[in-house]
Amino acid sequence: DEEVSSVGITTPGDLDSKRFNQWMSQLLQTKGTDIFRMKGIVSIAGRPERFVFQGVHMLFDGRPDRNWGAEPRRNQLIFIGRNLD
């Protein structure tokens, strides 16, 4: 299907958890039926551990993972779906 593509987002630093949750909520409300699969690792400000998540359509699951340690803090998100921009 030519409408199916992937979008990757990579950005350094920490994310504000409230703003990230609002963004994900809005994204799933507006594009949830077009998102087939998503996964990522994010760095939440004030948290020593990585936050990993995955999802299918509008179902989202996430949990704390191992500590960042000396690894540079960054955010990597991948979305696979239809009509993504």
N, C-alpha and C. Protein backbone atom coordinates (compact mmCIF):
# COMPACT_ATOMS: atom_id res chain seq x y z
N ASP A 1 0.84 -1.17 0.00
CA ASP A 1 0.00 0.00 0.00
C ASP A 1 0.89 1.24 0.00
N GLU A 2 0.75 2.10 -0.99
CA GLU A 2 1.60 3.29 -1.10
C GLU A 2 1.30 4.33 -0.03
N GLU A 3 0.18 4.23 0.65
CA GLU A 3 -0.16 5.18 1.70
C GLU A 3 0.54 4.85 3.02
N VAL A 4 1.10 3.65 3.13
CA VAL A 4 1.76 3.22 4.37
C VAL A 4 3.21 3.70 4.35
N SER A 5 3.61 4.35 5.44
CA SER A 5 4.97 4.86 5.56
C SER A 5 5.37 4.85 7.03
N SER A 6 6.58 5.29 7.28
CA SER A 6 7.03 5.42 8.66
C SER A 6 7.58 6.83 8.87
N VAL A 7 7.46 7.28 10.11
CA VAL A 7 7.99 8.57 10.50
C VAL A 7 8.82 8.36 11.76
N GLY A 8 10.04 8.83 11.75
CA GLY A 8 10.91 8.74 12.91
C GLY A 8 11.23 10.13 13.44
N ILE A 9 11.25 10.23 14.74
CA ILE A 9 11.59 11.49 15.40
C ILE A 9 12.72 11.20 16.37
N THR A 10 13.81 11.94 16.24
CA THR A 10 14.94 11.83 17.17
C THR A 10 15.32 13.23 17.62
N THR A 11 15.39 13.40 18.92
CA THR A 11 15.76 14.71 19.47
C THR A 11 16.52 14.49 20.78
N PRO A 12 17.55 15.29 21.03
CA PRO A 12 18.31 15.13 22.27
C PRO A 12 17.61 15.79 23.45
N GLY A 13 18.05 15.46 24.65
CA GLY A 13 17.59 16.14 25.86
C GLY A 13 16.40 15.48 26.52
N ASP A 14 15.78 16.23 27.43
CA ASP A 14 14.66 15.74 28.23
C ASP A 14 13.34 16.31 27.73
N LEU A 15 12.28 15.55 27.96
CA LEU A 15 10.93 16.00 27.65
C LEU A 15 10.18 16.28 28.95
N ASP A 16 9.30 17.25 28.89
CA ASP A 16 8.38 17.52 29.99
C ASP A 16 7.28 16.46 29.92
N SER A 17 7.09 15.70 30.99
CA SER A 17 6.15 14.57 30.95
C SER A 17 4.73 15.02 30.65
N LYS A 18 4.30 16.13 31.22
CA LYS A 18 2.93 16.60 30.98
C LYS A 18 2.73 16.97 29.52
N ARG A 19 3.67 17.70 28.94
CA ARG A 19 3.56 18.10 27.53
C ARG A 19 3.65 16.89 26.60
N PHE A 20 4.53 15.94 26.93
CA PHE A 20 4.63 14.73 26.11
C PHE A 20 3.32 13.94 26.15
N ASN A 21 2.74 13.77 27.33
CA ASN A 21 1.47 13.04 27.45
C ASN A 21 0.36 13.75 26.69
N GLN A 22 0.31 15.08 26.75
CA GLN A 22 -0.70 15.83 26.01
C GLN A 22 -0.52 15.64 24.51
N TRP A 23 0.73 15.69 24.04
CA TRP A 23 1.02 15.52 22.62
C TRP A 23 0.62 14.13 22.14
N MET A 24 1.00 13.11 22.92
CA MET A 24 0.65 11.73 22.54
C MET A 24 -0.85 11.53 22.54
N SER A 25 -1.54 12.08 23.52
CA SER A 25 -2.99 11.97 23.60
C SER A 25 -3.65 12.61 22.39
N GLN A 26 -3.21 13.81 22.03
CA GLN A 26 -3.77 14.49 20.86
C GLN A 26 -3.45 13.72 19.58
N LEU A 27 -2.23 13.22 19.46
CA LEU A 27 -1.84 12.45 18.29
C LEU A 27 -2.73 11.21 18.14
N LEU A 28 -2.94 10.48 19.22
CA LEU A 28 -3.75 9.27 19.15
C LEU A 28 -5.22 9.59 18.88
N GLN A 29 -5.70 10.71 19.38
CA GLN A 29 -7.09 11.10 19.10
C GLN A 29 -7.30 11.47 17.65
N THR A 30 -6.31 12.12 17.05
CA THR A 30 -6.47 12.60 15.68
C THR A 30 -5.97 11.61 14.63
N LYS A 31 -4.97 10.80 14.95
CA LYS A 31 -4.37 9.90 13.97
C LYS A 31 -4.37 8.44 14.41
N GLY A 32 -5.00 8.13 15.53
CA GLY A 32 -4.93 6.78 16.10
C GLY A 32 -5.32 5.68 15.15
N THR A 33 -6.34 5.90 14.33
CA THR A 33 -6.76 4.84 13.41
C THR A 33 -5.78 4.65 12.26
N ASP A 34 -4.97 5.67 11.98
CA ASP A 34 -3.97 5.58 10.91
C ASP A 34 -2.62 5.06 11.39
N ILE A 35 -2.41 5.04 12.71
CA ILE A 35 -1.13 4.55 13.25
C ILE A 35 -1.25 3.05 13.49
N PHE A 36 -0.50 2.29 12.71
CA PHE A 36 -0.52 0.83 12.87
C PHE A 36 0.35 0.38 14.03
N ARG A 37 1.51 1.02 14.16
CA ARG A 37 2.49 0.60 15.18
C ARG A 37 3.31 1.80 15.58
N MET A 38 3.67 1.87 16.87
CA MET A 38 4.56 2.91 17.34
C MET A 38 5.41 2.35 18.47
N LYS A 39 6.61 2.89 18.58
CA LYS A 39 7.47 2.51 19.69
C LYS A 39 8.49 3.59 19.89
N GLY A 40 9.06 3.62 21.09
CA GLY A 40 10.06 4.64 21.33
C GLY A 40 10.70 4.53 22.69
N ILE A 41 11.75 5.33 22.83
CA ILE A 41 12.47 5.50 24.08
C ILE A 41 12.56 7.00 24.30
N VAL A 42 12.10 7.46 25.46
CA VAL A 42 12.13 8.89 25.74
C VAL A 42 12.80 9.17 27.08
N SER A 43 13.32 10.37 27.17
CA SER A 43 13.98 10.85 28.38
C SER A 43 13.06 11.87 29.03
N ILE A 44 12.53 11.54 30.18
CA ILE A 44 11.62 12.41 30.91
C ILE A 44 12.42 13.23 31.94
N ALA A 45 12.23 14.53 31.92
CA ALA A 45 12.94 15.41 32.84
C ALA A 45 12.70 14.99 34.29
N GLY A 46 13.78 14.93 35.06
CA GLY A 46 13.70 14.59 36.47
C GLY A 46 13.67 13.10 36.76
N ARG A 47 13.69 12.27 35.73
CA ARG A 47 13.67 10.81 35.93
C ARG A 47 15.01 10.22 35.49
N PRO A 48 15.63 9.36 36.30
CA PRO A 48 16.93 8.81 35.94
C PRO A 48 16.84 7.68 34.91
N GLU A 49 15.65 7.09 34.74
CA GLU A 49 15.53 5.95 33.85
C GLU A 49 14.89 6.34 32.51
N ARG A 50 15.18 5.53 31.52
CA ARG A 50 14.56 5.68 30.22
C ARG A 50 13.08 5.27 30.32
N PHE A 51 12.24 5.86 29.52
CA PHE A 51 10.85 5.45 29.45
C PHE A 51 10.65 4.84 28.07
N VAL A 52 10.22 3.58 28.04
CA VAL A 52 10.00 2.90 26.77
C VAL A 52 8.50 2.70 26.57
N PHE A 53 8.08 2.80 25.32
CA PHE A 53 6.67 2.61 25.03
C PHE A 53 6.50 1.91 23.70
N GLN A 54 5.32 1.35 23.53
CA GLN A 54 4.92 0.76 22.27
C GLN A 54 3.41 0.85 22.17
N GLY A 55 2.92 0.75 20.98
CA GLY A 55 1.49 0.83 20.81
C GLY A 55 1.04 0.33 19.45
N VAL A 56 -0.22 0.00 19.38
CA VAL A 56 -0.88 -0.41 18.15
C VAL A 56 -2.17 0.38 18.07
N HIS A 57 -2.34 1.09 16.97
CA HIS A 57 -3.50 1.98 16.80
C HIS A 57 -3.62 2.89 18.01
N MET A 58 -4.72 2.84 18.72
CA MET A 58 -4.92 3.76 19.84
C MET A 58 -4.54 3.14 21.18
N LEU A 59 -4.00 1.94 21.17
CA LEU A 59 -3.55 1.28 22.40
C LEU A 59 -2.09 1.65 22.66
N PHE A 60 -1.81 2.13 23.86
CA PHE A 60 -0.49 2.63 24.22
C PHE A 60 -0.08 2.02 25.54
N ASP A 61 1.15 1.51 25.61
CA ASP A 61 1.66 0.96 26.85
C ASP A 61 3.10 1.44 27.03
N GLY A 62 3.43 1.88 28.23
CA GLY A 62 4.77 2.34 28.49
C GLY A 62 5.19 2.03 29.91
N ARG A 63 6.51 2.02 30.12
CA ARG A 63 7.02 1.72 31.45
C ARG A 63 8.45 2.24 31.59
N PRO A 64 8.89 2.48 32.83
CA PRO A 64 10.29 2.85 33.04
C PRO A 64 11.20 1.67 32.68
N ASP A 65 12.38 1.98 32.22
CA ASP A 65 13.36 0.98 31.80
C ASP A 65 14.63 1.21 32.62
N ARG A 66 15.75 0.79 32.14
CA ARG A 66 17.02 0.97 32.85
C ARG A 66 17.41 2.44 32.93
N ASN A 67 18.29 2.76 33.85
CA ASN A 67 18.79 4.13 34.00
C ASN A 67 19.61 4.55 32.79
N TRP A 68 19.62 5.85 32.53
CA TRP A 68 20.41 6.39 31.43
C TRP A 68 21.90 6.25 31.72
N GLY A 69 22.29 6.41 32.96
CA GLY A 69 23.71 6.34 33.30
C GLY A 69 24.49 7.42 32.55
N ALA A 70 25.61 7.04 31.95
CA ALA A 70 26.46 7.98 31.21
C ALA A 70 26.01 8.17 29.77
N GLU A 71 25.03 7.39 29.34
CA GLU A 71 24.52 7.49 27.97
C GLU A 71 23.84 8.84 27.75
N PRO A 72 24.09 9.50 26.61
CA PRO A 72 23.42 10.79 26.34
C PRO A 72 21.89 10.62 26.32
N ARG A 73 21.20 11.51 27.01
CA ARG A 73 19.74 11.45 27.07
C ARG A 73 19.18 11.94 25.74
N ARG A 74 18.24 11.15 25.20
CA ARG A 74 17.66 11.46 23.89
C ARG A 74 16.27 10.85 23.79
N ASN A 75 15.59 11.19 22.74
CA ASN A 75 14.24 10.70 22.49
C ASN A 75 14.18 10.16 21.07
N GLN A 76 13.72 8.92 20.94
CA GLN A 76 13.61 8.28 19.64
C GLN A 76 12.22 7.66 19.55
N LEU A 77 11.44 8.11 18.57
CA LEU A 77 10.08 7.63 18.38
C LEU A 77 9.91 7.21 16.92
N ILE A 78 9.22 6.10 16.72
CA ILE A 78 8.95 5.59 15.37
C ILE A 78 7.45 5.31 15.27
N PHE A 79 6.85 5.80 14.17
CA PHE A 79 5.44 5.57 13.89
C PHE A 79 5.33 4.96 12.51
N ILE A 80 4.56 3.89 12.39
CA ILE A 80 4.29 3.25 11.12
C ILE A 80 2.78 3.33 10.91
N GLY A 81 2.38 3.80 9.75
CA GLY A 81 0.95 3.92 9.52
C GLY A 81 0.61 4.45 8.15
N ARG A 82 -0.61 4.89 8.03
CA ARG A 82 -1.15 5.39 6.78
C ARG A 82 -1.32 6.90 6.88
N ASN A 83 -0.98 7.59 5.81
CA ASN A 83 -1.16 9.05 5.69
C ASN A 83 -0.46 9.82 6.80
N LEU A 84 0.74 9.41 7.17
CA LEU A 84 1.52 10.12 8.19
C LEU A 84 2.32 11.23 7.51
N ASP A 85 2.44 12.36 8.20
CA ASP A 85 3.27 13.43 7.66
C ASP A 85 4.31 13.87 8.69
